Amino acid sequence: HPGLDTAATRDGARLLIQNDIGTNDAHVLVIQMEGLSITLTYSDLHERRFAFFQELLSEIGAQWSGVGAR
């Protein structure tokens, strides 16, 4: 599938994983992991797909901030 590229890098104790989930720069998922903390940065043009991720991750305690169209 075009656009499904993944890159990972480590900087000391921090691990960054980026997954391009679409064919343009507006569809990206970045996960930053350090210790027991995980930060997710997510960008998507499709509100339904974002709602799916929100619902899925809320079941494991994810909290969202900065949600909205830009």
N, C-alpha and C. Protein backbone atom coordinates (compact mmCIF):
# COMPACT_ATOMS: atom_id res chain seq x y z
N HIS A 1 0.85 -1.18 0.00
CA HIS A 1 0.00 0.00 0.00
C HIS A 1 0.89 1.24 0.00
N PRO A 2 0.69 2.16 -0.92
CA PRO A 2 1.53 3.36 -0.94
C PRO A 2 1.31 4.20 0.31
N GLY A 3 2.39 4.75 0.82
CA GLY A 3 2.29 5.64 1.96
C GLY A 3 2.50 4.98 3.30
N LEU A 4 2.60 3.67 3.37
CA LEU A 4 2.77 3.00 4.65
C LEU A 4 4.26 2.80 4.95
N ASP A 5 4.93 3.89 5.28
CA ASP A 5 6.34 3.85 5.63
C ASP A 5 6.49 4.01 7.14
N THR A 6 7.48 3.33 7.70
CA THR A 6 7.73 3.41 9.14
C THR A 6 9.21 3.68 9.37
N ALA A 7 9.50 4.57 10.31
CA ALA A 7 10.88 4.85 10.70
C ALA A 7 10.95 4.85 12.22
N ALA A 8 12.08 4.41 12.76
CA ALA A 8 12.28 4.41 14.21
C ALA A 8 13.68 4.92 14.51
N THR A 9 13.80 5.66 15.59
CA THR A 9 15.11 6.16 16.02
C THR A 9 15.13 6.23 17.54
N ARG A 10 16.31 6.11 18.09
CA ARG A 10 16.48 6.18 19.55
C ARG A 10 17.42 7.33 19.87
N ASP A 11 17.07 8.09 20.90
CA ASP A 11 17.91 9.18 21.41
C ASP A 11 18.02 8.98 22.91
N GLY A 12 19.06 8.32 23.34
CA GLY A 12 19.20 7.99 24.76
C GLY A 12 18.09 7.05 25.18
N ALA A 13 17.31 7.46 26.19
CA ALA A 13 16.22 6.62 26.69
C ALA A 13 14.93 6.81 25.90
N ARG A 14 14.92 7.74 24.95
CA ARG A 14 13.71 8.05 24.18
C ARG A 14 13.71 7.29 22.85
N LEU A 15 12.58 6.66 22.56
CA LEU A 15 12.38 5.96 21.29
C LEU A 15 11.29 6.70 20.52
N LEU A 16 11.56 7.02 19.26
CA LEU A 16 10.58 7.66 18.39
C LEU A 16 10.24 6.72 17.25
N ILE A 17 8.95 6.53 17.01
CA ILE A 17 8.48 5.71 15.90
C ILE A 17 7.52 6.57 15.09
N GLN A 18 7.77 6.68 13.79
CA GLN A 18 6.89 7.44 12.91
C GLN A 18 6.33 6.51 11.85
N ASN A 19 5.02 6.58 11.68
CA ASN A 19 4.35 5.78 10.67
C ASN A 19 3.54 6.71 9.78
N ASP A 20 3.86 6.72 8.50
CA ASP A 20 3.09 7.49 7.53
C ASP A 20 1.93 6.61 7.10
N ILE A 21 0.72 6.99 7.48
CA ILE A 21 -0.44 6.13 7.26
C ILE A 21 -1.21 6.47 6.00
N GLY A 22 -0.71 7.44 5.25
CA GLY A 22 -1.39 7.83 4.02
C GLY A 22 -0.37 8.22 2.97
N THR A 23 -0.87 8.74 1.88
CA THR A 23 0.00 9.07 0.75
C THR A 23 0.45 10.52 0.75
N ASN A 24 0.09 11.30 1.78
CA ASN A 24 0.58 12.68 1.85
C ASN A 24 1.02 12.99 3.29
N ASP A 25 1.59 14.18 3.48
CA ASP A 25 2.15 14.55 4.78
C ASP A 25 1.11 14.79 5.86
N ALA A 26 -0.16 14.82 5.50
CA ALA A 26 -1.22 15.09 6.48
C ALA A 26 -1.67 13.83 7.22
N HIS A 27 -1.13 12.68 6.87
CA HIS A 27 -1.51 11.42 7.51
C HIS A 27 -0.27 10.82 8.17
N VAL A 28 -0.07 11.16 9.43
CA VAL A 28 1.13 10.68 10.11
C VAL A 28 0.82 10.37 11.58
N LEU A 29 1.54 9.40 12.10
CA LEU A 29 1.42 8.97 13.49
C LEU A 29 2.84 8.91 14.05
N VAL A 30 3.11 9.66 15.12
CA VAL A 30 4.43 9.65 15.75
C VAL A 30 4.23 9.23 17.20
N ILE A 31 4.97 8.21 17.62
CA ILE A 31 4.91 7.71 18.99
C ILE A 31 6.26 7.98 19.63
N GLN A 32 6.24 8.66 20.78
CA GLN A 32 7.45 8.92 21.55
C GLN A 32 7.34 8.16 22.85
N MET A 33 8.31 7.29 23.11
CA MET A 33 8.29 6.47 24.32
C MET A 33 9.54 6.76 25.14
N GLU A 34 9.32 7.05 26.43
CA GLU A 34 10.43 7.26 27.34
C GLU A 34 10.00 6.77 28.72
N GLY A 35 10.68 5.77 29.22
CA GLY A 35 10.27 5.16 30.49
C GLY A 35 8.88 4.57 30.34
N LEU A 36 7.98 4.93 31.24
CA LEU A 36 6.60 4.44 31.18
C LEU A 36 5.66 5.44 30.53
N SER A 37 6.23 6.49 29.93
CA SER A 37 5.43 7.54 29.30
C SER A 37 5.39 7.37 27.78
N ILE A 38 4.20 7.47 27.22
CA ILE A 38 4.03 7.39 25.77
C ILE A 38 3.27 8.63 25.32
N THR A 39 3.81 9.33 24.32
CA THR A 39 3.15 10.48 23.73
C THR A 39 2.89 10.18 22.27
N LEU A 40 1.66 10.43 21.85
CA LEU A 40 1.25 10.15 20.48
C LEU A 40 0.91 11.46 19.80
N THR A 41 1.49 11.70 18.64
CA THR A 41 1.13 12.84 17.81
C THR A 41 0.52 12.27 16.55
N TYR A 42 -0.70 12.71 16.25
CA TYR A 42 -1.47 12.10 15.17
C TYR A 42 -2.07 13.18 14.29
N SER A 43 -1.92 13.04 13.00
CA SER A 43 -2.49 13.98 12.05
C SER A 43 -3.21 13.19 10.96
N ASP A 44 -4.44 13.60 10.67
CA ASP A 44 -5.23 12.87 9.68
C ASP A 44 -6.31 13.78 9.11
N LEU A 45 -6.54 13.69 7.84
CA LEU A 45 -7.60 14.47 7.19
C LEU A 45 -8.97 13.85 7.39
N HIS A 46 -9.01 12.58 7.79
CA HIS A 46 -10.27 11.84 7.88
C HIS A 46 -10.74 11.78 9.33
N GLU A 47 -11.78 12.53 9.67
CA GLU A 47 -12.28 12.58 11.05
C GLU A 47 -12.76 11.23 11.55
N ARG A 48 -13.34 10.42 10.68
CA ARG A 48 -13.84 9.11 11.12
C ARG A 48 -12.70 8.19 11.55
N ARG A 49 -11.58 8.24 10.85
CA ARG A 49 -10.44 7.40 11.23
C ARG A 49 -9.87 7.89 12.56
N PHE A 50 -9.80 9.21 12.74
CA PHE A 50 -9.32 9.75 14.02
C PHE A 50 -10.25 9.34 15.15
N ALA A 51 -11.55 9.41 14.94
CA ALA A 51 -12.52 8.99 15.96
C ALA A 51 -12.32 7.52 16.32
N PHE A 52 -12.00 6.69 15.31
CA PHE A 52 -11.73 5.27 15.55
C PHE A 52 -10.52 5.11 16.48
N PHE A 53 -9.41 5.82 16.18
CA PHE A 53 -8.22 5.73 17.02
C PHE A 53 -8.51 6.25 18.43
N GLN A 54 -9.24 7.34 18.55
CA GLN A 54 -9.59 7.88 19.86
C GLN A 54 -10.34 6.86 20.69
N GLU A 55 -11.35 6.25 20.10
CA GLU A 55 -12.16 5.26 20.82
C GLU A 55 -11.32 4.04 21.20
N LEU A 56 -10.54 3.56 20.27
CA LEU A 56 -9.71 2.38 20.51
C LEU A 56 -8.72 2.62 21.65
N LEU A 57 -8.05 3.77 21.63
CA LEU A 57 -7.03 4.04 22.64
C LEU A 57 -7.60 4.51 23.97
N SER A 58 -8.81 5.05 23.97
CA SER A 58 -9.42 5.46 25.24
C SER A 58 -9.70 4.25 26.12
N GLU A 59 -9.89 3.09 25.51
CA GLU A 59 -10.15 1.87 26.26
C GLU A 59 -8.96 1.45 27.12
N ILE A 60 -7.75 1.95 26.78
CA ILE A 60 -6.57 1.63 27.58
C ILE A 60 -6.08 2.85 28.35
N GLY A 61 -6.94 3.88 28.46
CA GLY A 61 -6.62 5.03 29.31
C GLY A 61 -5.97 6.21 28.62
N ALA A 62 -5.96 6.24 27.30
CA ALA A 62 -5.36 7.38 26.59
C ALA A 62 -6.14 8.66 26.89
N GLN A 63 -5.40 9.74 27.05
CA GLN A 63 -6.00 11.06 27.25
C GLN A 63 -5.57 11.94 26.09
N TRP A 64 -6.48 12.76 25.59
CA TRP A 64 -6.22 13.57 24.39
C TRP A 64 -6.17 15.05 24.75
N SER A 65 -5.26 15.77 24.12
CA SER A 65 -5.20 17.22 24.26
C SER A 65 -4.89 17.80 22.88
N GLY A 66 -5.28 19.03 22.68
CA GLY A 66 -5.01 19.68 21.40
C GLY A 66 -5.78 19.08 20.25
N VAL A 67 -6.98 18.59 20.51
CA VAL A 67 -7.78 17.94 19.47
C VAL A 67 -8.55 19.01 18.72
N GLY A 68 -8.49 18.94 17.39
CA GLY A 68 -9.28 19.87 16.59
C GLY A 68 -8.71 20.03 15.21
N ALA A 69 -9.49 20.64 14.36
CA ALA A 69 -9.06 20.88 12.98
C ALA A 69 -8.11 22.07 12.95
N ARG A 70 -7.14 21.98 12.08
CA ARG A 70 -6.18 23.08 11.90
C ARG A 70 -6.06 23.41 10.45
